[in-house]
Amino acid sequence: MRIQSVERAAQALRMLASGPRLLGLNDLARAMDLTEDTLAGILDTLAAAGLVEQDAPTGRYRLGASLLHLGTRYLDVNELRARSLHSADTLAARSGESVWIGTAHEGRALVIHHVFRPDESAQVLRVGGHLPLHASGVGKTLLAFDHGLDVPVDLPRFTDRTLTESSALAAELYEIRQRGWAASVDERTEGESAIGAPIRDGSGRVVGAVSIAGRTDRLTEAGLPRAALAAQVTDAARDISSALLH
């Protein structure tokens, strides 16, 4: 027997995991087609269990530390994440940007490891969050190189740069395969970009992607991804792929 309140709680957690920022009660309620009073009770219960946190200055919600801890315990046994740790740290240090490791999951890219940008800026852990396949460095890498993935039929627009036409996306995926790495420039969030490359197992099958993510002005030059950073990402992907052989 399915329990409606549990389904609603799970839906709220999925939305908080996939959102790029803190989400307000009214935004969540509207997206879930619930009254704010009903959703507030659900969020209060999740917060009491440590699964959701409310930002004091804004009143908005994010995933709680307890949920991230549970997710990390699961991900610790994930071989891809375990074999990626050293290379991801090295890439973050070399590039000066945050590093994400992701895999395909339910039509999106699941972030299984996140190394913070090595500076003193405030950052939010994205482990367990989802990225759109057509508008992220990790996602476009997976779409281009993972032959088990189909191009999504629905391509929602996030910014003016998001590719929403299947033909345009297909053409870019071809270019990505030719050069060996992917880029997302202002496509998911204005002013933010990413560069990704595929991770392969011993059989050559693509099992994930590694990317750097950061401000567009740092990752690009004259509107194009910086070649030196793309080389660093592909080197890291090669190192992680090699680690999966052992």
C-alpha atoms as a PDB file:
ATOM      1  CA  MET A   1       0.000   0.000   0.000  1.00  0.00           C
ATOM      2  CA  ARG A   2       1.410   3.397  -0.986  1.00  0.00           C
ATOM      3  CA  ILE A   3       1.426   6.148   1.652  1.00  0.00           C
ATOM      4  CA  GLN A   4       0.727   9.586   0.171  1.00  0.00           C
ATOM      5  CA  SER A   5       2.610  11.585   2.787  1.00  0.00           C
ATOM      6  CA  VAL A   6       5.761   9.532   2.204  1.00  0.00           C
ATOM      7  CA  GLU A   7       5.445   9.997  -1.562  1.00  0.00           C
ATOM      8  CA  ARG A   8       5.118  13.750  -1.067  1.00  0.00           C
ATOM      9  CA  ALA A   9       8.145  13.835   1.234  1.00  0.00           C
ATOM     10  CA  ALA A  10      10.179  11.903  -1.330  1.00  0.00           C
ATOM     11  CA  GLN A  11       9.085  14.308  -4.067  1.00  0.00           C
ATOM     12  CA  ALA A  12      10.145  17.307  -1.964  1.00  0.00           C
ATOM     13  CA  LEU A  13      13.572  15.749  -1.356  1.00  0.00           C
ATOM     14  CA  ARG A  14      14.046  15.055  -5.072  1.00  0.00           C
ATOM     15  CA  MET A  15      13.202  18.653  -5.923  1.00  0.00           C
ATOM     16  CA  LEU A  16      15.627  20.003  -3.342  1.00  0.00           C
ATOM     17  CA  ALA A  17      18.332  17.664  -4.648  1.00  0.00           C
ATOM     18  CA  SER A  18      17.887  18.737  -8.262  1.00  0.00           C
ATOM     19  CA  GLY A  19      17.530  22.475  -7.690  1.00  0.00           C
ATOM     20  CA  PRO A  20      20.612  24.658  -8.233  1.00  0.00           C
ATOM     21  CA  ARG A  21      19.762  26.932  -5.300  1.00  0.00           C
ATOM     22  CA  LEU A  22      17.729  27.134  -2.108  1.00  0.00           C
ATOM     23  CA  LEU A  23      14.014  26.727  -2.746  1.00  0.00           C
ATOM     24  CA  GLY A  24      11.228  28.655  -1.044  1.00  0.00           C
ATOM     25  CA  LEU A  25       8.045  27.184   0.412  1.00  0.00           C
ATOM     26  CA  ASN A  26       5.852  28.848  -2.200  1.00  0.00           C
ATOM     27  CA  ASP A  27       8.056  27.611  -5.074  1.00  0.00           C
ATOM     28  CA  LEU A  28       7.960  24.037  -3.804  1.00  0.00           C
ATOM     29  CA  ALA A  29       4.244  24.136  -3.066  1.00  0.00           C
ATOM     30  CA  ARG A  30       3.440  25.446  -6.531  1.00  0.00           C
ATOM     31  CA  ALA A  31       5.640  22.853  -8.240  1.00  0.00           C
ATOM     32  CA  MET A  32       4.128  20.018  -6.176  1.00  0.00           C
ATOM     33  CA  ASP A  33       0.559  21.326  -6.471  1.00  0.00           C
ATOM     34  CA  LEU A  34       0.130  21.425  -2.687  1.00  0.00           C
ATOM     35  CA  THR A  35      -1.020  24.098  -0.286  1.00  0.00           C
ATOM     36  CA  GLU A  36       1.736  25.830   1.628  1.00  0.00           C
ATOM     37  CA  ASP A  37       0.260  24.639   4.946  1.00  0.00           C
ATOM     38  CA  THR A  38       0.358  20.992   3.836  1.00  0.00           C
ATOM     39  CA  LEU A  39       3.909  21.249   2.535  1.00  0.00           C
ATOM     40  CA  ALA A  40       5.111  23.168   5.600  1.00  0.00           C
ATOM     41  CA  GLY A  41       4.108  20.222   7.791  1.00  0.00           C
ATOM     42  CA  ILE A  42       6.024  17.816   5.572  1.00  0.00           C
ATOM     43  CA  LEU A  43       9.127  20.023   5.562  1.00  0.00           C
ATOM     44  CA  ASP A  44       8.965  20.531   9.335  1.00  0.00           C
ATOM     45  CA  THR A  45       8.906  16.752   9.803  1.00  0.00           C
ATOM     46  CA  LEU A  46      11.853  16.281   7.422  1.00  0.00           C
ATOM     47  CA  ALA A  47      13.743  19.069   9.183  1.00  0.00           C
ATOM     48  CA  ALA A  48      13.199  17.425  12.575  1.00  0.00           C
ATOM     49  CA  ALA A  49      14.810  14.275  11.165  1.00  0.00           C
ATOM     50  CA  GLY A  50      17.753  16.277   9.791  1.00  0.00           C
ATOM     51  CA  LEU A  51      16.842  15.514   6.188  1.00  0.00           C
ATOM     52  CA  VAL A  52      15.998  19.138   5.334  1.00  0.00           C
ATOM     53  CA  GLU A  53      17.414  22.436   6.602  1.00  0.00           C
ATOM     54  CA  GLN A  54      15.859  25.899   6.522  1.00  0.00           C
ATOM     55  CA  ASP A  55      18.144  28.827   5.781  1.00  0.00           C
ATOM     56  CA  ALA A  56      17.570  31.333   8.576  1.00  0.00           C
ATOM     57  CA  PRO A  57      18.132  34.589   6.618  1.00  0.00           C
ATOM     58  CA  THR A  58      15.891  33.671   3.676  1.00  0.00           C
ATOM     59  CA  GLY A  59      13.532  31.019   5.066  1.00  0.00           C
ATOM     60  CA  ARG A  60      14.298  28.841   2.037  1.00  0.00           C
ATOM     61  CA  TYR A  61      15.021  25.124   2.156  1.00  0.00           C
ATOM     62  CA  ARG A  62      17.919  22.833   1.208  1.00  0.00           C
ATOM     63  CA  LEU A  63      18.875  19.209   1.812  1.00  0.00           C
ATOM     64  CA  GLY A  64      19.955  18.485   5.373  1.00  0.00           C
ATOM     65  CA  ALA A  65      23.312  17.197   6.541  1.00  0.00           C
ATOM     66  CA  SER A  66      21.841  13.887   7.737  1.00  0.00           C
ATOM     67  CA  LEU A  67      20.565  13.047   4.257  1.00  0.00           C
ATOM     68  CA  LEU A  68      23.904  13.932   2.689  1.00  0.00           C
ATOM     69  CA  HIS A  69      25.641  11.720   5.246  1.00  0.00           C
ATOM     70  CA  LEU A  70      23.376   8.808   4.380  1.00  0.00           C
ATOM     71  CA  GLY A  71      24.007   9.374   0.695  1.00  0.00           C
ATOM     72  CA  THR A  72      27.746   9.546   1.224  1.00  0.00           C
ATOM     73  CA  ARG A  73      27.741   6.238   3.115  1.00  0.00           C
ATOM     74  CA  TYR A  74      26.126   4.628   0.082  1.00  0.00           C
ATOM     75  CA  LEU A  75      28.430   6.377  -2.339  1.00  0.00           C
ATOM     76  CA  ASP A  76      31.522   5.366  -0.380  1.00  0.00           C
ATOM     77  CA  VAL A  77      31.028   1.810  -1.634  1.00  0.00           C
ATOM     78  CA  ASN A  78      30.621   2.975  -5.194  1.00  0.00           C
ATOM     79  CA  GLU A  79      33.760   1.915  -7.027  1.00  0.00           C
ATOM     80  CA  LEU A  80      33.684   4.821  -9.440  1.00  0.00           C
ATOM     81  CA  ARG A  81      33.639   7.374  -6.658  1.00  0.00           C
ATOM     82  CA  ALA A  82      36.335   5.561  -4.690  1.00  0.00           C
ATOM     83  CA  ARG A  83      38.653   5.383  -7.699  1.00  0.00           C
ATOM     84  CA  SER A  84      37.997   9.049  -8.548  1.00  0.00           C
ATOM     85  CA  LEU A  85      38.940  10.664  -5.243  1.00  0.00           C
ATOM     86  CA  HIS A  86      42.645  11.294  -5.845  1.00  0.00           C
ATOM     87  CA  SER A  87      42.274  12.500  -9.444  1.00  0.00           C
ATOM     88  CA  ALA A  88      39.347  14.762  -8.530  1.00  0.00           C
ATOM     89  CA  ASP A  89      41.368  16.414  -5.756  1.00  0.00           C
ATOM     90  CA  THR A  90      44.315  16.876  -8.119  1.00  0.00           C
ATOM     91  CA  LEU A  91      42.090  18.389 -10.810  1.00  0.00           C
ATOM     92  CA  ALA A  92      40.570  20.856  -8.357  1.00  0.00           C
ATOM     93  CA  ALA A  93      44.038  21.941  -7.231  1.00  0.00           C
ATOM     94  CA  ARG A  94      45.337  22.313 -10.804  1.00  0.00           C
ATOM     95  CA  SER A  95      42.324  24.090 -12.267  1.00  0.00           C
ATOM     96  CA  GLY A  96      41.299  26.122  -9.241  1.00  0.00           C
ATOM     97  CA  GLU A  97      37.691  25.092  -9.874  1.00  0.00           C
ATOM     98  CA  SER A  98      35.175  22.741  -8.291  1.00  0.00           C
ATOM     99  CA  VAL A  99      35.113  19.183  -9.636  1.00  0.00           C
ATOM    100  CA  TRP A 100      32.080  16.961 -10.137  1.00  0.00           C
ATOM    101  CA  ILE A 101      31.952  13.232 -10.857  1.00  0.00           C
ATOM    102  CA  GLY A 102      28.629  12.008 -12.256  1.00  0.00           C
ATOM    103  CA  THR A 103      26.817   9.036 -13.724  1.00  0.00           C
ATOM    104  CA  ALA A 104      23.573   8.598 -15.630  1.00  0.00           C
ATOM    105  CA  HIS A 105      20.518   8.067 -13.437  1.00  0.00           C
ATOM    106  CA  GLU A 106      16.835   8.151 -14.375  1.00  0.00           C
ATOM    107  CA  GLY A 107      17.307  10.384 -17.396  1.00  0.00           C
ATOM    108  CA  ARG A 108      19.602  12.852 -15.651  1.00  0.00           C
ATOM    109  CA  ALA A 109      23.184  13.041 -14.403  1.00  0.00           C
ATOM    110  CA  LEU A 110      23.647  12.117 -10.743  1.00  0.00           C
ATOM    111  CA  VAL A 111      26.501  13.847  -8.909  1.00  0.00           C
ATOM    112  CA  ILE A 112      28.310  11.163  -6.905  1.00  0.00           C
ATOM    113  CA  HIS A 113      31.357  13.201  -5.856  1.00  0.00           C
ATOM    114  CA  HIS A 114      32.024  16.924  -5.500  1.00  0.00           C
ATOM    115  CA  VAL A 115      35.321  18.587  -4.634  1.00  0.00           C
ATOM    116  CA  PHE A 116      34.987  22.206  -3.567  1.00  0.00           C
ATOM    117  CA  ARG A 117      36.835  24.960  -5.387  1.00  0.00           C
ATOM    118  CA  PRO A 118      40.095  25.480  -3.456  1.00  0.00           C
ATOM    119  CA  ASP A 119      39.429  28.975  -2.131  1.00  0.00           C
ATOM    120  CA  GLU A 120      37.631  30.530   0.811  1.00  0.00           C
ATOM    121  CA  SER A 121      34.304  31.191  -0.941  1.00  0.00           C
ATOM    122  CA  ALA A 122      31.032  29.786   0.412  1.00  0.00           C
ATOM    123  CA  GLN A 123      30.025  26.660  -1.490  1.00  0.00           C
ATOM    124  CA  VAL A 124      27.192  24.116  -1.307  1.00  0.00           C
ATOM    125  CA  LEU A 125      27.793  20.365  -1.499  1.00  0.00           C
ATOM    126  CA  ARG A 126      26.062  18.935  -4.579  1.00  0.00           C
ATOM    127  CA  VAL A 127      26.526  15.219  -3.888  1.00  0.00           C
ATOM    128  CA  GLY A 128      23.248  13.423  -4.584  1.00  0.00           C
ATOM    129  CA  GLY A 129      21.930  16.220  -6.789  1.00  0.00           C
ATOM    130  CA  HIS A 130      20.893  15.805 -10.401  1.00  0.00           C
ATOM    131  CA  LEU A 131      21.994  17.755 -13.478  1.00  0.00           C
ATOM    132  CA  PRO A 132      20.181  17.985 -16.818  1.00  0.00           C
ATOM    133  CA  LEU A 133      21.780  15.845 -19.500  1.00  0.00           C
ATOM    134  CA  HIS A 134      21.493  18.512 -22.197  1.00  0.00           C
ATOM    135  CA  ALA A 135      22.671  21.523 -20.187  1.00  0.00           C
ATOM    136  CA  SER A 136      25.638  20.496 -18.030  1.00  0.00           C
ATOM    137  CA  GLY A 137      29.226  19.438 -18.566  1.00  0.00           C
ATOM    138  CA  VAL A 138      28.711  16.039 -16.962  1.00  0.00           C
ATOM    139  CA  GLY A 139      25.376  15.493 -18.705  1.00  0.00           C
ATOM    140  CA  LYS A 140      26.508  16.404 -22.211  1.00  0.00           C
ATOM    141  CA  THR A 141      29.569  14.190 -21.792  1.00  0.00           C
ATOM    142  CA  LEU A 142      27.363  11.252 -20.869  1.00  0.00           C
ATOM    143  CA  LEU A 143      24.967  11.922 -23.745  1.00  0.00           C
ATOM    144  CA  ALA A 144      27.823  12.060 -26.234  1.00  0.00           C
ATOM    145  CA  PHE A 145      29.774   8.987 -25.144  1.00  0.00           C
ATOM    146  CA  ASP A 146      27.371   6.663 -23.302  1.00  0.00           C
ATOM    147  CA  HIS A 147      25.762   4.675 -26.100  1.00  0.00           C
ATOM    148  CA  GLY A 148      23.114   3.361 -23.725  1.00  0.00           C
ATOM    149  CA  LEU A 149      21.600   6.821 -23.308  1.00  0.00           C
ATOM    150  CA  ASP A 150      18.984   8.338 -25.585  1.00  0.00           C
ATOM    151  CA  VAL A 151      18.747  12.066 -26.222  1.00  0.00           C
ATOM    152  CA  PRO A 152      15.825  13.313 -24.102  1.00  0.00           C
ATOM    153  CA  VAL A 153      12.691  14.244 -26.003  1.00  0.00           C
ATOM    154  CA  ASP A 154      11.914  17.106 -23.642  1.00  0.00           C
ATOM    155  CA  LEU A 155      14.730  19.687 -23.500  1.00  0.00           C
ATOM    156  CA  PRO A 156      13.705  22.375 -21.001  1.00  0.00           C
ATOM    157  CA  ARG A 157      15.213  25.846 -21.309  1.00  0.00           C
ATOM    158  CA  PHE A 158      17.207  27.168 -18.347  1.00  0.00           C
ATOM    159  CA  THR A 159      18.888  30.179 -19.988  1.00  0.00           C
ATOM    160  CA  ASP A 160      19.045  31.823 -23.408  1.00  0.00           C
ATOM    161  CA  ARG A 161      22.020  29.563 -24.198  1.00  0.00           C
ATOM    162  CA  THR A 162      20.282  26.254 -23.450  1.00  0.00           C
ATOM    163  CA  LEU A 163      20.005  23.929 -26.449  1.00  0.00           C
ATOM    164  CA  THR A 164      16.330  23.027 -26.760  1.00  0.00           C
ATOM    165  CA  GLU A 165      16.268  21.774 -30.354  1.00  0.00           C
ATOM    166  CA  SER A 166      17.124  18.087 -30.799  1.00  0.00           C
ATOM    167  CA  SER A 167      18.935  18.743 -34.078  1.00  0.00           C
ATOM    168  CA  ALA A 168      21.179  21.395 -32.536  1.00  0.00           C
ATOM    169  CA  LEU A 169      21.960  19.135 -29.586  1.00  0.00           C
ATOM    170  CA  ALA A 170      22.730  16.192 -31.893  1.00  0.00           C
ATOM    171  CA  ALA A 171      25.156  18.357 -33.876  1.00  0.00           C
ATOM    172  CA  GLU A 172      26.953  19.431 -30.715  1.00  0.00           C
ATOM    173  CA  LEU A 173      27.157  15.860 -29.420  1.00  0.00           C
ATOM    174  CA  TYR A 174      28.878  14.915 -32.679  1.00  0.00           C
ATOM    175  CA  GLU A 175      31.434  17.697 -32.144  1.00  0.00           C
ATOM    176  CA  ILE A 176      31.966  16.553 -28.556  1.00  0.00           C
ATOM    177  CA  ARG A 177      32.764  13.024 -29.710  1.00  0.00           C
ATOM    178  CA  GLN A 178      35.206  14.394 -32.283  1.00  0.00           C
ATOM    179  CA  ARG A 179      37.208  16.483 -29.802  1.00  0.00           C
ATOM    180  CA  GLY A 180      36.853  14.170 -26.785  1.00  0.00           C
ATOM    181  CA  TRP A 181      35.338  16.564 -24.241  1.00  0.00           C
ATOM    182  CA  ALA A 182      32.149  18.549 -23.619  1.00  0.00           C
ATOM    183  CA  ALA A 183      31.380  22.082 -22.507  1.00  0.00           C
ATOM    184  CA  SER A 184      28.321  23.816 -21.144  1.00  0.00           C
ATOM    185  CA  VAL A 185      28.646  27.614 -21.319  1.00  0.00           C
ATOM    186  CA  ASP A 186      25.881  29.570 -19.551  1.00  0.00           C
ATOM    187  CA  GLU A 187      23.436  26.784 -20.432  1.00  0.00           C
ATOM    188  CA  ARG A 188      22.191  25.701 -17.004  1.00  0.00           C
ATOM    189  CA  THR A 189      22.852  28.895 -15.053  1.00  0.00           C
ATOM    190  CA  GLU A 190      23.772  32.287 -16.480  1.00  0.00           C
ATOM    191  CA  GLY A 191      27.391  33.109 -15.701  1.00  0.00           C
ATOM    192  CA  GLU A 192      28.358  29.518 -14.879  1.00  0.00           C
ATOM    193  CA  SER A 193      30.056  27.001 -17.156  1.00  0.00           C
ATOM    194  CA  ALA A 194      31.516  23.497 -17.074  1.00  0.00           C
ATOM    195  CA  ILE A 195      33.938  21.317 -19.029  1.00  0.00           C
ATOM    196  CA  GLY A 196      33.563  17.516 -18.883  1.00  0.00           C
ATOM    197  CA  ALA A 197      35.222  14.358 -20.192  1.00  0.00           C
ATOM    198  CA  PRO A 198      34.212  10.664 -20.158  1.00  0.00           C
ATOM    199  CA  ILE A 199      35.366   8.005 -17.689  1.00  0.00           C
ATOM    200  CA  ARG A 200      35.667   4.471 -19.103  1.00  0.00           C
ATOM    201  CA  ASP A 201      35.929   1.069 -17.450  1.00  0.00           C
ATOM    202  CA  GLY A 202      38.278  -1.728 -18.469  1.00  0.00           C
ATOM    203  CA  SER A 203      36.085  -2.702 -21.411  1.00  0.00           C
ATOM    204  CA  GLY A 204      36.063   0.844 -22.794  1.00  0.00           C
ATOM    205  CA  ARG A 205      32.447   1.426 -21.787  1.00  0.00           C
ATOM    206  CA  VAL A 206      31.653   4.922 -20.511  1.00  0.00           C
ATOM    207  CA  VAL A 207      30.575   4.639 -16.873  1.00  0.00           C
ATOM    208  CA  GLY A 208      30.683   8.261 -15.809  1.00  0.00           C
ATOM    209  CA  ALA A 209      32.031  11.732 -16.410  1.00  0.00           C
ATOM    210  CA  VAL A 210      34.290  14.202 -14.637  1.00  0.00           C
ATOM    211  CA  SER A 211      33.919  17.948 -15.008  1.00  0.00           C
ATOM    212  CA  ILE A 212      35.122  21.218 -13.629  1.00  0.00           C
ATOM    213  CA  ALA A 213      32.522  23.890 -12.971  1.00  0.00           C
ATOM    214  CA  GLY A 214      32.854  27.570 -12.252  1.00  0.00           C
ATOM    215  CA  ARG A 215      32.312  31.115 -13.414  1.00  0.00           C
ATOM    216  CA  THR A 216      32.147  31.560 -17.167  1.00  0.00           C
ATOM    217  CA  ASP A 217      34.809  34.275 -17.189  1.00  0.00           C
ATOM    218  CA  ARG A 218      37.285  31.855 -15.605  1.00  0.00           C
ATOM    219  CA  LEU A 219      36.471  28.804 -17.754  1.00  0.00           C
ATOM    220  CA  THR A 220      36.219  30.544 -21.124  1.00  0.00           C
ATOM    221  CA  GLU A 221      38.077  33.009 -23.287  1.00  0.00           C
ATOM    222  CA  ALA A 222      36.324  34.937 -26.050  1.00  0.00           C
ATOM    223  CA  GLY A 223      33.262  32.793 -25.411  1.00  0.00           C
ATOM    224  CA  LEU A 224      35.059  29.480 -25.892  1.00  0.00           C
ATOM    225  CA  PRO A 225      36.230  26.956 -23.271  1.00  0.00           C
ATOM    226  CA  ARG A 226      39.890  27.390 -22.352  1.00  0.00           C
ATOM    227  CA  ALA A 227      41.948  24.685 -24.058  1.00  0.00           C
ATOM    228  CA  ALA A 228      44.315  24.326 -21.098  1.00  0.00           C
ATOM    229  CA  LEU A 229      41.418  23.581 -18.753  1.00  0.00           C
ATOM    230  CA  ALA A 230      39.906  21.086 -21.212  1.00  0.00           C
ATOM    231  CA  ALA A 231      43.271  19.303 -21.317  1.00  0.00           C
ATOM    232  CA  GLN A 232      43.334  19.115 -17.511  1.00  0.00           C
ATOM    233  CA  VAL A 233      39.850  17.586 -17.455  1.00  0.00           C
ATOM    234  CA  THR A 234      40.656  14.989 -20.123  1.00  0.00           C
ATOM    235  CA  ASP A 235      43.859  14.090 -18.253  1.00  0.00           C
ATOM    236  CA  ALA A 236      41.840  13.536 -15.071  1.00  0.00           C
ATOM    237  CA  ALA A 237      39.304  11.397 -16.943  1.00  0.00           C
ATOM    238  CA  ARG A 238      42.146   9.309 -18.357  1.00  0.00           C
ATOM    239  CA  ASP A 239      43.660   8.870 -14.880  1.00  0.00           C
ATOM    240  CA  ILE A 240      40.348   7.770 -13.365  1.00  0.00           C
ATOM    241  CA  SER A 241      39.744   5.356 -16.260  1.00  0.00           C
ATOM    242  CA  SER A 242      43.189   3.889 -15.657  1.00  0.00           C
ATOM    243  CA  ALA A 243      42.421   3.508 -11.952  1.00  0.00           C
ATOM    244  CA  LEU A 244      39.323   1.486 -12.825  1.00  0.00           C
ATOM    245  CA  LEU A 245      41.565  -1.084 -14.502  1.00  0.00           C
ATOM    246  CA  HIS A 246      43.189  -2.059 -11.199  1.00  0.00           C
END
